[in-house]
Amino acid sequence: MVPAGSVLTPAPSAEESVSPAHLTEYEDANQNRSLTAGLGGTCIAILTFVLIFLYDRAAAGQINNLLYQATLLNIVVSLFLISLASLNYWFVMEALRTHHPRAPVYERRADGFFAASLVLLLLEPTLILVTVKLYYVGAVAVVLWVVGVLALASGWREVR
């Protein structure tokens, strides 16, 4: 019950409780968190696609069962890593909001999880193509995956 004549003031928003010096970091972490959530949704869509369209073929022995399971495992692990990245970006936001000193640690951890998930996400088309016996296109996808991993490694070294 609010006493008569008193005025309720709303609690400050999360962004209002972040110091102005760290507001850009907070906004970046929030955007990264949103991006990883979107990638998680994409990963779930790919998992659903692989299960719906390839499970019967795997059960019937029409495709390599080991490659099929490796593809599913790759998708599940990349989804898990994306989730960890999103969670750590949220930790960054909370640490900045509460002025906790571990924000940079959470950000480095989130970036590492994101990079690992990106490497696995880039491998998914290759695994799917090879699983359905499209070997020539799969070979091109492997080359493109290697180029992507090398670009990531080169950029990572330059900015770290």
N, C-alpha and C. Protein backbone atom coordinates (compact mmCIF):
# COMPACT_ATOMS: atom_id res chain seq x y z
N MET A 1 0.83 -1.16 0.00
CA MET A 1 0.00 0.00 0.00
C MET A 1 0.89 1.24 0.00
N VAL A 2 0.58 2.17 -0.87
CA VAL A 2 1.34 3.41 -0.99
C VAL A 2 0.67 4.47 -0.14
N PRO A 3 1.43 5.13 0.74
CA PRO A 3 0.83 6.20 1.55
C PRO A 3 0.28 7.32 0.68
N ALA A 4 -0.81 7.94 1.15
CA ALA A 4 -1.43 9.03 0.41
C ALA A 4 -0.46 10.18 0.25
N GLY A 5 -0.44 10.75 -0.96
CA GLY A 5 0.41 11.91 -1.21
C GLY A 5 1.82 11.56 -1.65
N SER A 6 2.22 10.27 -1.60
CA SER A 6 3.57 9.92 -2.04
C SER A 6 3.57 9.64 -3.54
N VAL A 7 4.68 9.84 -4.14
CA VAL A 7 4.82 9.65 -5.58
C VAL A 7 5.73 8.45 -5.81
N LEU A 8 5.28 7.55 -6.68
CA LEU A 8 6.11 6.40 -7.05
C LEU A 8 7.06 6.80 -8.15
N THR A 9 8.32 6.54 -7.95
CA THR A 9 9.29 6.78 -9.01
C THR A 9 9.71 5.44 -9.56
N PRO A 10 9.73 5.31 -10.88
CA PRO A 10 10.10 4.03 -11.46
C PRO A 10 11.57 3.71 -11.20
N ALA A 11 11.84 2.45 -11.09
CA ALA A 11 13.23 2.01 -10.91
C ALA A 11 14.00 2.32 -12.18
N PRO A 12 15.29 2.61 -12.06
CA PRO A 12 16.06 2.92 -13.26
C PRO A 12 16.16 1.68 -14.15
N SER A 13 16.17 1.92 -15.47
CA SER A 13 16.32 0.80 -16.39
C SER A 13 17.75 0.27 -16.30
N ALA A 14 17.96 -0.87 -16.91
CA ALA A 14 19.29 -1.48 -16.86
C ALA A 14 20.33 -0.55 -17.47
N GLU A 15 19.98 0.08 -18.59
CA GLU A 15 20.94 0.97 -19.24
C GLU A 15 21.23 2.20 -18.40
N GLU A 16 20.25 2.67 -17.64
CA GLU A 16 20.46 3.84 -16.80
C GLU A 16 21.41 3.55 -15.64
N SER A 17 21.51 2.30 -15.22
CA SER A 17 22.39 1.97 -14.10
C SER A 17 23.82 1.67 -14.55
N VAL A 18 24.07 1.68 -15.86
CA VAL A 18 25.42 1.47 -16.39
C VAL A 18 26.10 2.83 -16.45
N SER A 19 27.35 2.87 -16.02
CA SER A 19 28.07 4.14 -16.06
C SER A 19 28.23 4.58 -17.52
N PRO A 20 28.19 5.89 -17.77
CA PRO A 20 28.31 6.38 -19.15
C PRO A 20 29.58 5.91 -19.85
N ALA A 21 30.64 5.69 -19.09
CA ALA A 21 31.90 5.22 -19.69
C ALA A 21 31.77 3.81 -20.26
N HIS A 22 30.84 3.01 -19.72
CA HIS A 22 30.68 1.62 -20.16
C HIS A 22 29.41 1.38 -20.97
N LEU A 23 28.70 2.44 -21.31
CA LEU A 23 27.43 2.28 -22.02
C LEU A 23 27.63 1.64 -23.40
N THR A 24 28.69 2.01 -24.11
CA THR A 24 28.95 1.42 -25.43
C THR A 24 29.23 -0.07 -25.29
N GLU A 25 30.02 -0.45 -24.30
CA GLU A 25 30.29 -1.88 -24.07
C GLU A 25 29.00 -2.62 -23.76
N TYR A 26 28.14 -2.01 -22.97
CA TYR A 26 26.86 -2.61 -22.61
C TYR A 26 26.00 -2.82 -23.85
N GLU A 27 25.92 -1.80 -24.70
CA GLU A 27 25.13 -1.91 -25.92
C GLU A 27 25.71 -2.95 -26.87
N ASP A 28 27.05 -3.01 -26.97
CA ASP A 28 27.69 -4.03 -27.81
C ASP A 28 27.37 -5.43 -27.30
N ALA A 29 27.46 -5.64 -26.00
CA ALA A 29 27.16 -6.95 -25.42
C ALA A 29 25.70 -7.32 -25.67
N ASN A 30 24.81 -6.35 -25.59
CA ASN A 30 23.40 -6.60 -25.83
C ASN A 30 23.16 -6.98 -27.30
N GLN A 31 23.82 -6.30 -28.22
CA GLN A 31 23.69 -6.65 -29.64
C GLN A 31 24.28 -8.02 -29.91
N ASN A 32 25.42 -8.33 -29.31
CA ASN A 32 26.03 -9.65 -29.49
C ASN A 32 25.14 -10.74 -28.92
N ARG A 33 24.51 -10.46 -27.79
CA ARG A 33 23.59 -11.43 -27.19
C ARG A 33 22.41 -11.68 -28.13
N SER A 34 21.88 -10.62 -28.72
CA SER A 34 20.78 -10.77 -29.67
C SER A 34 21.22 -11.55 -30.90
N LEU A 35 22.42 -11.28 -31.39
CA LEU A 35 22.95 -11.99 -32.55
C LEU A 35 23.10 -13.48 -32.26
N THR A 36 23.65 -13.81 -31.10
CA THR A 36 23.83 -15.22 -30.78
C THR A 36 22.49 -15.92 -30.59
N ALA A 37 21.51 -15.21 -30.06
CA ALA A 37 20.17 -15.81 -29.94
C ALA A 37 19.60 -16.11 -31.32
N GLY A 38 19.81 -15.20 -32.26
CA GLY A 38 19.36 -15.43 -33.64
C GLY A 38 20.07 -16.61 -34.29
N LEU A 39 21.38 -16.71 -34.06
CA LEU A 39 22.13 -17.84 -34.60
C LEU A 39 21.69 -19.16 -33.96
N GLY A 40 21.32 -19.09 -32.69
CA GLY A 40 20.79 -20.28 -32.02
C GLY A 40 19.51 -20.74 -32.69
N GLY A 41 18.65 -19.80 -33.03
CA GLY A 41 17.41 -20.15 -33.75
C GLY A 41 17.70 -20.75 -35.11
N THR A 42 18.68 -20.20 -35.81
CA THR A 42 19.08 -20.76 -37.11
C THR A 42 19.60 -22.18 -36.94
N CYS A 43 20.37 -22.39 -35.90
CA CYS A 43 20.93 -23.72 -35.62
C CYS A 43 19.81 -24.73 -35.33
N ILE A 44 18.81 -24.31 -34.58
CA ILE A 44 17.68 -25.18 -34.29
C ILE A 44 16.92 -25.50 -35.59
N ALA A 45 16.80 -24.51 -36.48
CA ALA A 45 16.13 -24.75 -37.76
C ALA A 45 16.91 -25.77 -38.60
N ILE A 46 18.23 -25.65 -38.61
CA ILE A 46 19.05 -26.61 -39.36
C ILE A 46 18.93 -28.00 -38.75
N LEU A 47 18.94 -28.09 -37.43
CA LEU A 47 18.77 -29.37 -36.76
C LEU A 47 17.43 -30.00 -37.13
N THR A 48 16.38 -29.20 -37.11
CA THR A 48 15.05 -29.69 -37.48
C THR A 48 15.04 -30.18 -38.92
N PHE A 49 15.65 -29.40 -39.83
CA PHE A 49 15.73 -29.79 -41.23
C PHE A 49 16.43 -31.13 -41.40
N VAL A 50 17.58 -31.27 -40.75
CA VAL A 50 18.36 -32.51 -40.88
C VAL A 50 17.58 -33.70 -40.32
N LEU A 51 16.90 -33.50 -39.21
CA LEU A 51 16.11 -34.58 -38.63
C LEU A 51 14.92 -34.96 -39.51
N ILE A 52 14.20 -33.96 -40.02
CA ILE A 52 13.00 -34.24 -40.82
C ILE A 52 13.36 -34.89 -42.15
N PHE A 53 14.35 -34.34 -42.84
CA PHE A 53 14.62 -34.80 -44.19
C PHE A 53 15.64 -35.92 -44.31
N LEU A 54 16.44 -36.14 -43.29
CA LEU A 54 17.49 -37.16 -43.43
C LEU A 54 17.33 -38.35 -42.49
N TYR A 55 16.50 -38.25 -41.47
CA TYR A 55 16.39 -39.35 -40.52
C TYR A 55 15.91 -40.64 -41.19
N ASP A 56 14.87 -40.56 -41.99
CA ASP A 56 14.36 -41.77 -42.65
C ASP A 56 15.40 -42.38 -43.58
N ARG A 57 16.14 -41.52 -44.27
CA ARG A 57 17.20 -42.03 -45.16
C ARG A 57 18.31 -42.70 -44.36
N ALA A 58 18.63 -42.15 -43.19
CA ALA A 58 19.66 -42.76 -42.34
C ALA A 58 19.17 -44.09 -41.79
N ALA A 59 17.90 -44.13 -41.37
CA ALA A 59 17.34 -45.37 -40.82
C ALA A 59 17.26 -46.46 -41.89
N ALA A 60 17.05 -46.06 -43.15
CA ALA A 60 16.96 -47.03 -44.25
C ALA A 60 18.32 -47.42 -44.81
N GLY A 61 19.38 -46.78 -44.32
CA GLY A 61 20.73 -47.11 -44.79
C GLY A 61 21.08 -46.46 -46.10
N GLN A 62 20.32 -45.46 -46.53
CA GLN A 62 20.59 -44.78 -47.80
C GLN A 62 21.72 -43.77 -47.71
N ILE A 63 22.02 -43.33 -46.51
CA ILE A 63 23.13 -42.41 -46.30
C ILE A 63 24.04 -42.99 -45.22
N ASN A 64 25.24 -42.48 -45.17
CA ASN A 64 26.22 -42.94 -44.19
C ASN A 64 25.75 -42.54 -42.78
N ASN A 65 25.44 -43.53 -41.98
CA ASN A 65 24.90 -43.28 -40.64
C ASN A 65 25.91 -42.56 -39.75
N LEU A 66 27.19 -42.89 -39.89
CA LEU A 66 28.21 -42.23 -39.09
C LEU A 66 28.31 -40.74 -39.42
N LEU A 67 28.29 -40.42 -40.72
CA LEU A 67 28.31 -39.02 -41.12
C LEU A 67 27.05 -38.29 -40.66
N TYR A 68 25.91 -38.97 -40.73
CA TYR A 68 24.66 -38.37 -40.27
C TYR A 68 24.74 -38.02 -38.78
N GLN A 69 25.25 -38.95 -38.00
CA GLN A 69 25.37 -38.69 -36.56
C GLN A 69 26.42 -37.61 -36.27
N ALA A 70 27.50 -37.60 -37.07
CA ALA A 70 28.51 -36.54 -36.91
C ALA A 70 27.91 -35.17 -37.23
N THR A 71 27.05 -35.12 -38.24
CA THR A 71 26.37 -33.87 -38.59
C THR A 71 25.47 -33.41 -37.46
N LEU A 72 24.68 -34.33 -36.91
CA LEU A 72 23.81 -33.99 -35.78
C LEU A 72 24.62 -33.54 -34.57
N LEU A 73 25.71 -34.24 -34.30
CA LEU A 73 26.56 -33.87 -33.16
C LEU A 73 27.15 -32.48 -33.35
N ASN A 74 27.60 -32.19 -34.56
CA ASN A 74 28.15 -30.87 -34.87
C ASN A 74 27.11 -29.78 -34.62
N ILE A 75 25.88 -30.02 -35.04
CA ILE A 75 24.81 -29.04 -34.85
C ILE A 75 24.52 -28.84 -33.37
N VAL A 76 24.43 -29.94 -32.63
CA VAL A 76 24.13 -29.86 -31.19
C VAL A 76 25.25 -29.13 -30.44
N VAL A 77 26.50 -29.44 -30.75
CA VAL A 77 27.62 -28.78 -30.07
C VAL A 77 27.66 -27.30 -30.43
N SER A 78 27.44 -26.96 -31.70
CA SER A 78 27.45 -25.55 -32.07
C SER A 78 26.31 -24.80 -31.39
N LEU A 79 25.14 -25.43 -31.27
CA LEU A 79 24.03 -24.81 -30.56
C LEU A 79 24.38 -24.58 -29.09
N PHE A 80 25.03 -25.55 -28.47
CA PHE A 80 25.46 -25.41 -27.08
C PHE A 80 26.46 -24.27 -26.92
N LEU A 81 27.43 -24.17 -27.83
CA LEU A 81 28.42 -23.10 -27.75
C LEU A 81 27.79 -21.73 -27.98
N ILE A 82 26.83 -21.66 -28.89
CA ILE A 82 26.12 -20.39 -29.12
C ILE A 82 25.37 -19.99 -27.85
N SER A 83 24.76 -20.97 -27.20
CA SER A 83 24.03 -20.69 -25.96
C SER A 83 24.98 -20.17 -24.89
N LEU A 84 26.15 -20.78 -24.77
CA LEU A 84 27.14 -20.31 -23.80
C LEU A 84 27.63 -18.90 -24.13
N ALA A 85 27.80 -18.61 -25.42
CA ALA A 85 28.21 -17.27 -25.81
C ALA A 85 27.14 -16.26 -25.43
N SER A 86 25.88 -16.58 -25.72
CA SER A 86 24.78 -15.68 -25.38
C SER A 86 24.71 -15.46 -23.87
N LEU A 87 24.86 -16.53 -23.12
CA LEU A 87 24.82 -16.44 -21.67
C LEU A 87 25.94 -15.55 -21.14
N ASN A 88 27.14 -15.68 -21.69
CA ASN A 88 28.26 -14.87 -21.23
C ASN A 88 28.13 -13.41 -21.67
N TYR A 89 27.52 -13.15 -22.82
CA TYR A 89 27.24 -11.76 -23.18
C TYR A 89 26.25 -11.14 -22.20
N TRP A 90 25.30 -11.94 -21.74
CA TRP A 90 24.38 -11.46 -20.72
C TRP A 90 25.13 -11.19 -19.41
N PHE A 91 26.10 -12.07 -19.07
CA PHE A 91 26.92 -11.83 -17.89
C PHE A 91 27.67 -10.49 -18.01
N VAL A 92 28.16 -10.19 -19.22
CA VAL A 92 28.85 -8.91 -19.44
C VAL A 92 27.90 -7.77 -19.12
N MET A 93 26.68 -7.86 -19.64
CA MET A 93 25.69 -6.80 -19.40
C MET A 93 25.42 -6.64 -17.91
N GLU A 94 25.22 -7.75 -17.22
CA GLU A 94 24.95 -7.69 -15.78
C GLU A 94 26.14 -7.15 -15.00
N ALA A 95 27.35 -7.57 -15.39
CA ALA A 95 28.56 -7.10 -14.70
C ALA A 95 28.72 -5.59 -14.89
N LEU A 96 28.44 -5.10 -16.10
CA LEU A 96 28.54 -3.65 -16.32
C LEU A 96 27.45 -2.90 -15.56
N ARG A 97 26.27 -3.48 -15.50
CA ARG A 97 25.16 -2.83 -14.78
C ARG A 97 25.43 -2.74 -13.28
N THR A 98 26.06 -3.79 -12.72
CA THR A 98 26.32 -3.83 -11.28
C THR A 98 27.73 -3.39 -10.92
N HIS A 99 28.48 -2.93 -11.94
CA HIS A 99 29.85 -2.44 -11.75
C HIS A 99 30.77 -3.54 -11.21
N HIS A 100 30.54 -4.75 -11.67
CA HIS A 100 31.37 -5.90 -11.28
C HIS A 100 32.64 -5.89 -12.13
N PRO A 101 33.80 -6.19 -11.56
CA PRO A 101 35.06 -6.07 -12.30
C PRO A 101 35.33 -7.19 -13.31
N ARG A 102 34.51 -8.24 -13.35
CA ARG A 102 34.80 -9.38 -14.24
C ARG A 102 34.19 -9.24 -15.64
N ALA A 103 33.66 -8.10 -15.99
CA ALA A 103 33.05 -7.92 -17.31
C ALA A 103 34.00 -8.29 -18.46
N PRO A 104 35.27 -7.86 -18.43
CA PRO A 104 36.18 -8.24 -19.52
C PRO A 104 36.40 -9.75 -19.62
N VAL A 105 36.41 -10.43 -18.49
CA VAL A 105 36.58 -11.89 -18.49
C VAL A 105 35.39 -12.54 -19.17
N TYR A 106 34.18 -12.10 -18.84
CA TYR A 106 32.98 -12.65 -19.47
C TYR A 106 32.95 -12.36 -20.96
N GLU A 107 33.44 -11.18 -21.34
CA GLU A 107 33.43 -10.83 -22.75
C GLU A 107 34.41 -11.70 -23.55
N ARG A 108 35.60 -11.92 -23.01
CA ARG A 108 36.57 -12.80 -23.69
C ARG A 108 36.02 -14.22 -23.81
N ARG A 109 35.40 -14.70 -22.74
CA ARG A 109 34.82 -16.04 -22.75
C ARG A 109 33.70 -16.13 -23.80
N ALA A 110 32.84 -15.12 -23.83
CA ALA A 110 31.75 -15.10 -24.80
C ALA A 110 32.29 -15.08 -26.23
N ASP A 111 33.31 -14.27 -26.47
CA ASP A 111 33.91 -14.21 -27.80
C ASP A 111 34.51 -15.56 -28.20
N GLY A 112 35.14 -16.25 -27.26
CA GLY A 112 35.70 -17.56 -27.55
C GLY A 112 34.62 -18.59 -27.88
N PHE A 113 33.55 -18.60 -27.10
CA PHE A 113 32.44 -19.51 -27.40
C PHE A 113 31.82 -19.18 -28.75
N PHE A 114 31.70 -17.88 -29.04
CA PHE A 114 31.11 -17.49 -30.32
C PHE A 114 32.00 -17.94 -31.48
N ALA A 115 33.31 -17.74 -31.36
CA ALA A 115 34.23 -18.14 -32.43
C ALA A 115 34.18 -19.66 -32.64
N ALA A 116 34.17 -20.42 -31.57
CA ALA A 116 34.10 -21.88 -31.70
C ALA A 116 32.79 -22.31 -32.34
N SER A 117 31.70 -21.67 -31.95
CA SER A 117 30.41 -22.03 -32.55
C SER A 117 30.37 -21.64 -34.02
N LEU A 118 31.00 -20.54 -34.37
CA LEU A 118 31.03 -20.11 -35.77
C LEU A 118 31.80 -21.11 -36.63
N VAL A 119 32.91 -21.61 -36.11
CA VAL A 119 33.68 -22.62 -36.85
C VAL A 119 32.80 -23.85 -37.11
N LEU A 120 32.08 -24.30 -36.10
CA LEU A 120 31.21 -25.46 -36.28
C LEU A 120 30.02 -25.16 -37.17
N LEU A 121 29.46 -23.97 -37.06
CA LEU A 121 28.34 -23.60 -37.94
C LEU A 121 28.77 -23.59 -39.40
N LEU A 122 29.98 -23.11 -39.66
CA LEU A 122 30.48 -23.09 -41.03
C LEU A 122 30.73 -24.49 -41.57
N LEU A 123 30.93 -25.45 -40.68
CA LEU A 123 31.16 -26.84 -41.10
C LEU A 123 29.85 -27.58 -41.41
N GLU A 124 28.73 -27.10 -40.91
CA GLU A 124 27.47 -27.82 -41.09
C GLU A 124 27.10 -28.07 -42.55
N PRO A 125 27.19 -27.08 -43.45
CA PRO A 125 26.85 -27.38 -44.84
C PRO A 125 27.72 -28.48 -45.44
N THR A 126 28.99 -28.47 -45.11
CA THR A 126 29.90 -29.50 -45.61
C THR A 126 29.44 -30.89 -45.17
N LEU A 127 29.15 -31.03 -43.89
CA LEU A 127 28.73 -32.33 -43.38
C LEU A 127 27.41 -32.78 -44.00
N ILE A 128 26.49 -31.86 -44.16
CA ILE A 128 25.20 -32.23 -44.77
C ILE A 128 25.40 -32.65 -46.22
N LEU A 129 26.20 -31.91 -46.98
CA LEU A 129 26.43 -32.25 -48.39
C LEU A 129 27.12 -33.60 -48.54
N VAL A 130 28.11 -33.85 -47.73
CA VAL A 130 28.81 -35.14 -47.82
C VAL A 130 27.91 -36.28 -47.35
N THR A 131 27.07 -36.02 -46.35
CA THR A 131 26.15 -37.05 -45.86
C THR A 131 25.19 -37.49 -46.95
N VAL A 132 24.71 -36.56 -47.77
CA VAL A 132 23.77 -36.93 -48.84
C VAL A 132 24.50 -37.27 -50.15
N LYS A 133 25.80 -37.50 -50.05
CA LYS A 133 26.64 -37.98 -51.14
C LYS A 133 26.81 -36.99 -52.28
N LEU A 134 26.80 -35.71 -51.97
CA LEU A 134 27.13 -34.68 -52.94
C LEU A 134 28.60 -34.31 -52.72
N TYR A 135 29.47 -35.22 -53.16
CA TYR A 135 30.88 -35.13 -52.81
C TYR A 135 31.60 -33.94 -53.44
N TYR A 136 31.30 -33.60 -54.70
CA TYR A 136 32.00 -32.49 -55.34
C TYR A 136 31.63 -31.16 -54.69
N VAL A 137 30.35 -30.97 -54.45
CA VAL A 137 29.92 -29.74 -53.78
C VAL A 137 30.44 -29.74 -52.34
N GLY A 138 30.47 -30.92 -51.71
CA GLY A 138 31.01 -31.04 -50.37
C GLY A 138 32.49 -30.68 -50.32
N ALA A 139 33.23 -31.05 -51.38
CA ALA A 139 34.66 -30.72 -51.43
C ALA A 139 34.85 -29.21 -51.53
N VAL A 140 34.02 -28.54 -52.33
CA VAL A 140 34.09 -27.08 -52.41
C VAL A 140 33.74 -26.47 -51.05
N ALA A 141 32.74 -27.04 -50.39
CA ALA A 141 32.34 -26.53 -49.07
C ALA A 141 33.47 -26.70 -48.05
N VAL A 142 34.23 -27.80 -48.14
CA VAL A 142 35.37 -28.00 -47.23
C VAL A 142 36.42 -26.92 -47.47
N VAL A 143 36.70 -26.64 -48.73
CA VAL A 143 37.69 -25.61 -49.06
C VAL A 143 37.22 -24.25 -48.51
N LEU A 144 35.94 -23.94 -48.71
CA LEU A 144 35.41 -22.68 -48.20
C LEU A 144 35.43 -22.64 -46.67
N TRP A 145 35.19 -23.78 -46.04
CA TRP A 145 35.26 -23.85 -44.58
C TRP A 145 36.68 -23.56 -44.10
N VAL A 146 37.67 -24.14 -44.76
CA VAL A 146 39.07 -23.90 -44.39
C VAL A 146 39.41 -22.42 -44.57
N VAL A 147 38.95 -21.82 -45.67
CA VAL A 147 39.19 -20.40 -45.90
C VAL A 147 38.55 -19.58 -44.77
N GLY A 148 37.33 -19.94 -44.39
CA GLY A 148 36.65 -19.24 -43.31
C GLY A 148 37.38 -19.37 -41.98
N VAL A 149 37.87 -20.56 -41.68
CA VAL A 149 38.61 -20.78 -40.43
C VAL A 149 39.92 -19.99 -40.45
N LEU A 150 40.61 -19.99 -41.59
CA LEU A 150 41.86 -19.22 -41.69
C LEU A 150 41.60 -17.72 -41.56
N ALA A 151 40.52 -17.23 -42.15
CA ALA A 151 40.17 -15.81 -42.02
C ALA A 151 39.85 -15.47 -40.57
N LEU A 152 39.13 -16.35 -39.90
CA LEU A 152 38.82 -16.14 -38.48
C LEU A 152 40.09 -16.13 -37.65
N ALA A 153 40.97 -17.08 -37.89
CA ALA A 153 42.22 -17.16 -37.12
C ALA A 153 43.10 -15.93 -37.37
N SER A 154 43.16 -15.49 -38.61
CA SER A 154 43.97 -14.32 -38.95
C SER A 154 43.40 -13.07 -38.29
N GLY A 155 42.12 -12.88 -38.38
CA GLY A 155 41.49 -11.72 -37.75
C GLY A 155 41.59 -11.77 -36.25
N TRP A 156 41.45 -12.96 -35.69
CA TRP A 156 41.52 -13.13 -34.23
C TRP A 156 42.89 -12.72 -33.71
N ARG A 157 43.94 -13.15 -34.43
CA ARG A 157 45.30 -12.79 -34.02
C ARG A 157 45.53 -11.29 -34.12
N GLU A 158 44.95 -10.65 -35.13
CA GLU A 158 45.16 -9.23 -35.31
C GLU A 158 44.47 -8.38 -34.23
N VAL A 159 43.32 -8.82 -33.77
CA VAL A 159 42.58 -8.00 -32.80
C VAL A 159 42.83 -8.39 -31.36
N ARG A 160 43.48 -9.48 -31.12
CA ARG A 160 43.75 -9.91 -29.73
C ARG A 160 45.12 -9.49 -29.31
